N, C-alpha and C. Protein backbone atom coordinates (compact mmCIF):
# COMPACT_ATOMS: atom_id res chain seq x y z
N UNK A 1 13.26 -1.62 50.76
CA UNK A 1 12.78 -0.32 50.32
C UNK A 1 11.83 0.29 51.35
N UNK A 2 11.26 -0.53 52.19
CA UNK A 2 10.31 -0.03 53.19
C UNK A 2 10.97 0.33 54.51
N UNK A 3 12.28 0.38 54.55
CA UNK A 3 12.98 0.66 55.81
C UNK A 3 12.84 2.13 56.20
N UNK A 4 13.16 2.40 57.45
CA UNK A 4 13.13 3.78 57.94
C UNK A 4 14.25 4.56 57.28
N UNK A 5 14.02 5.84 57.10
CA UNK A 5 15.02 6.72 56.51
C UNK A 5 15.75 7.48 57.62
N UNK A 6 17.02 7.79 57.40
CA UNK A 6 17.76 8.55 58.42
C UNK A 6 17.12 9.92 58.67
N UNK A 7 17.16 10.33 59.90
CA UNK A 7 16.61 11.64 60.25
C UNK A 7 17.60 12.73 59.87
N UNK A 8 17.08 13.92 59.68
CA UNK A 8 17.93 15.07 59.46
C UNK A 8 18.39 15.28 58.03
N UNK A 9 17.89 14.51 57.08
CA UNK A 9 18.27 14.70 55.69
C UNK A 9 17.39 15.77 55.06
N UNK A 10 18.02 16.64 54.28
CA UNK A 10 17.19 17.60 53.54
C UNK A 10 16.61 16.89 52.32
N UNK A 11 15.82 17.59 51.54
CA UNK A 11 15.11 16.98 50.42
C UNK A 11 16.06 16.36 49.40
N UNK A 12 17.13 17.06 49.06
CA UNK A 12 18.10 16.53 48.09
C UNK A 12 18.83 15.30 48.62
N UNK A 13 19.21 15.34 49.89
CA UNK A 13 19.89 14.19 50.48
C UNK A 13 18.97 12.98 50.55
N UNK A 14 17.71 13.22 50.87
CA UNK A 14 16.74 12.12 50.93
C UNK A 14 16.54 11.51 49.55
N UNK A 15 16.47 12.34 48.53
CA UNK A 15 16.31 11.84 47.17
C UNK A 15 17.53 11.01 46.76
N UNK A 16 18.72 11.48 47.09
CA UNK A 16 19.93 10.73 46.78
C UNK A 16 19.96 9.41 47.54
N UNK A 17 19.54 9.43 48.80
CA UNK A 17 19.47 8.22 49.61
C UNK A 17 18.52 7.20 48.97
N UNK A 18 17.36 7.68 48.52
CA UNK A 18 16.37 6.80 47.88
C UNK A 18 16.96 6.16 46.61
N UNK A 19 17.66 6.95 45.81
CA UNK A 19 18.25 6.42 44.59
C UNK A 19 19.31 5.37 44.88
N UNK A 20 20.15 5.63 45.87
CA UNK A 20 21.17 4.65 46.24
C UNK A 20 20.55 3.37 46.78
N UNK A 21 19.49 3.52 47.56
CA UNK A 21 18.80 2.37 48.11
C UNK A 21 18.18 1.52 47.00
N UNK A 22 17.54 2.18 46.05
CA UNK A 22 16.97 1.46 44.92
C UNK A 22 18.05 0.72 44.13
N UNK A 23 19.17 1.38 43.93
CA UNK A 23 20.28 0.78 43.20
C UNK A 23 20.80 -0.47 43.89
N UNK A 24 20.86 -0.44 45.21
CA UNK A 24 21.35 -1.60 45.95
C UNK A 24 20.31 -2.71 46.05
N UNK A 25 19.04 -2.35 46.05
CA UNK A 25 17.97 -3.34 46.19
C UNK A 25 17.66 -4.03 44.86
N UNK A 26 17.96 -3.40 43.76
CA UNK A 26 17.59 -3.92 42.44
C UNK A 26 18.08 -5.35 42.18
N UNK A 27 19.34 -5.69 42.45
CA UNK A 27 19.78 -7.07 42.19
C UNK A 27 19.00 -8.11 43.00
N UNK A 28 18.61 -7.76 44.21
CA UNK A 28 17.84 -8.69 45.03
C UNK A 28 16.44 -8.89 44.45
N UNK A 29 15.86 -7.81 43.96
CA UNK A 29 14.54 -7.91 43.35
C UNK A 29 14.60 -8.76 42.08
N UNK A 30 15.62 -8.57 41.27
CA UNK A 30 15.78 -9.36 40.06
C UNK A 30 15.93 -10.85 40.38
N UNK A 31 16.70 -11.17 41.39
CA UNK A 31 16.90 -12.57 41.79
C UNK A 31 15.59 -13.17 42.29
N UNK A 32 14.82 -12.39 43.06
CA UNK A 32 13.53 -12.87 43.55
C UNK A 32 12.59 -13.15 42.38
N UNK A 33 12.58 -12.28 41.40
CA UNK A 33 11.73 -12.50 40.22
C UNK A 33 12.14 -13.78 39.51
N UNK A 34 13.43 -13.99 39.33
CA UNK A 34 13.91 -15.21 38.67
C UNK A 34 13.46 -16.47 39.41
N UNK A 35 13.57 -16.45 40.73
CA UNK A 35 13.17 -17.62 41.53
C UNK A 35 11.68 -17.87 41.41
N UNK A 36 10.87 -16.83 41.49
CA UNK A 36 9.42 -17.00 41.41
C UNK A 36 8.98 -17.38 39.99
N UNK A 37 9.69 -16.89 38.98
CA UNK A 37 9.37 -17.30 37.60
C UNK A 37 9.66 -18.78 37.39
N UNK A 38 10.66 -19.30 38.08
CA UNK A 38 10.95 -20.74 37.99
C UNK A 38 9.74 -21.54 38.49
N UNK A 39 9.16 -21.11 39.60
CA UNK A 39 7.95 -21.77 40.10
C UNK A 39 6.80 -21.62 39.12
N UNK A 40 6.65 -20.43 38.54
CA UNK A 40 5.57 -20.17 37.59
C UNK A 40 5.68 -21.11 36.38
N UNK A 41 6.89 -21.37 35.93
CA UNK A 41 7.11 -22.22 34.76
C UNK A 41 6.80 -23.69 35.04
N UNK A 42 6.59 -24.04 36.29
CA UNK A 42 6.25 -25.42 36.64
C UNK A 42 4.76 -25.71 36.48
N UNK A 43 3.95 -24.68 36.36
CA UNK A 43 2.51 -24.86 36.26
C UNK A 43 2.11 -25.71 35.06
N UNK A 44 2.62 -25.42 33.85
CA UNK A 44 2.22 -26.26 32.70
C UNK A 44 2.61 -27.73 32.85
N UNK A 45 3.57 -28.02 33.71
CA UNK A 45 4.00 -29.41 33.92
C UNK A 45 3.15 -30.10 34.98
N UNK A 46 2.13 -29.39 35.50
CA UNK A 46 1.22 -29.98 36.46
C UNK A 46 1.48 -29.64 37.91
N UNK A 47 2.46 -28.81 38.18
CA UNK A 47 2.75 -28.44 39.56
C UNK A 47 2.02 -27.14 39.90
N UNK A 48 1.03 -27.25 40.75
CA UNK A 48 0.33 -26.06 41.24
C UNK A 48 0.03 -26.31 42.71
N UNK A 49 1.02 -26.00 43.53
CA UNK A 49 0.90 -26.22 44.96
C UNK A 49 0.99 -24.88 45.70
N UNK A 50 1.09 -24.94 47.01
CA UNK A 50 1.11 -23.72 47.82
C UNK A 50 2.31 -22.82 47.49
N UNK A 51 3.53 -23.35 47.35
CA UNK A 51 4.64 -22.47 46.95
C UNK A 51 4.43 -21.80 45.59
N UNK A 52 3.80 -22.52 44.67
CA UNK A 52 3.52 -21.93 43.36
C UNK A 52 2.51 -20.80 43.49
N UNK A 53 1.48 -20.99 44.30
CA UNK A 53 0.49 -19.94 44.53
C UNK A 53 1.14 -18.70 45.14
N UNK A 54 2.03 -18.94 46.11
CA UNK A 54 2.72 -17.81 46.74
C UNK A 54 3.62 -17.09 45.75
N UNK A 55 4.27 -17.84 44.88
CA UNK A 55 5.11 -17.22 43.86
C UNK A 55 4.28 -16.35 42.93
N UNK A 56 3.09 -16.80 42.57
CA UNK A 56 2.22 -16.00 41.72
C UNK A 56 1.80 -14.71 42.42
N UNK A 57 1.55 -14.79 43.73
CA UNK A 57 1.20 -13.59 44.48
C UNK A 57 2.36 -12.59 44.48
N UNK A 58 3.55 -13.09 44.73
CA UNK A 58 4.73 -12.22 44.77
C UNK A 58 4.98 -11.62 43.38
N UNK A 59 4.85 -12.43 42.33
CA UNK A 59 5.03 -11.90 40.98
C UNK A 59 4.00 -10.82 40.68
N UNK A 60 2.79 -10.97 41.20
CA UNK A 60 1.77 -9.95 41.03
C UNK A 60 2.16 -8.63 41.67
N UNK A 61 2.91 -8.71 42.77
CA UNK A 61 3.38 -7.50 43.44
C UNK A 61 4.60 -6.91 42.74
N UNK A 62 5.52 -7.77 42.32
CA UNK A 62 6.76 -7.30 41.70
C UNK A 62 6.58 -6.91 40.24
N UNK A 63 5.67 -7.59 39.56
CA UNK A 63 5.44 -7.33 38.13
C UNK A 63 3.94 -7.26 37.85
N UNK A 64 3.26 -6.27 38.41
CA UNK A 64 1.80 -6.21 38.27
C UNK A 64 1.33 -6.07 36.82
N UNK A 65 2.14 -5.44 35.97
CA UNK A 65 1.78 -5.27 34.57
C UNK A 65 1.66 -6.60 33.84
N UNK A 66 2.28 -7.64 34.40
CA UNK A 66 2.25 -8.95 33.74
C UNK A 66 1.44 -9.99 34.51
N UNK A 67 1.48 -9.94 35.85
CA UNK A 67 0.88 -11.00 36.64
C UNK A 67 -0.30 -10.58 37.50
N UNK A 68 -0.66 -9.31 37.51
CA UNK A 68 -1.79 -8.88 38.33
C UNK A 68 -2.81 -8.12 37.49
N UNK A 69 -2.90 -8.52 36.25
CA UNK A 69 -3.86 -7.85 35.37
C UNK A 69 -5.27 -8.29 35.71
N UNK A 70 -6.18 -7.38 35.57
CA UNK A 70 -7.58 -7.67 35.82
C UNK A 70 -8.27 -7.75 34.46
N UNK A 71 -8.96 -8.84 34.26
CA UNK A 71 -9.67 -8.99 32.99
C UNK A 71 -10.89 -8.09 33.00
N UNK A 72 -11.15 -7.48 31.87
CA UNK A 72 -12.36 -6.67 31.75
C UNK A 72 -13.27 -7.32 30.73
N UNK A 73 -14.53 -7.28 31.02
CA UNK A 73 -15.52 -7.84 30.11
C UNK A 73 -16.58 -6.80 29.84
N UNK A 74 -17.16 -6.88 28.69
CA UNK A 74 -18.25 -5.99 28.33
C UNK A 74 -19.51 -6.83 28.24
N UNK A 75 -20.54 -6.35 28.89
CA UNK A 75 -21.82 -7.04 28.82
C UNK A 75 -22.56 -6.55 27.56
N UNK A 76 -23.23 -7.44 26.91
CA UNK A 76 -24.02 -7.04 25.75
C UNK A 76 -25.30 -7.86 25.72
N UNK A 77 -26.27 -7.32 25.04
CA UNK A 77 -27.55 -7.99 24.90
C UNK A 77 -27.74 -8.26 23.43
N UNK A 78 -28.05 -9.50 23.08
CA UNK A 78 -28.29 -9.88 21.70
C UNK A 78 -29.79 -9.79 21.43
N UNK A 79 -30.16 -8.77 20.68
CA UNK A 79 -31.58 -8.56 20.37
C UNK A 79 -31.82 -8.98 18.92
N UNK A 80 -32.70 -9.97 18.77
CA UNK A 80 -33.03 -10.42 17.42
C UNK A 80 -34.50 -10.52 17.24
């Protein structure tokens, strides 16, 4: 998806090119997610090594809504 785009395309042609590119890249992205999820599922079994860490990083990029969430906390003061 980060490749160079052909020169000389008007706006409509560029949009169509982007859609076709996304359509062709989608199966590869899905396969990558499946492979990295396999590594993720090994964590509860005690496997947490460098490939597992890298898989978590990639999953954070491919599926940020699930794997790159930032926890939020609220500070409070207990006055009694």
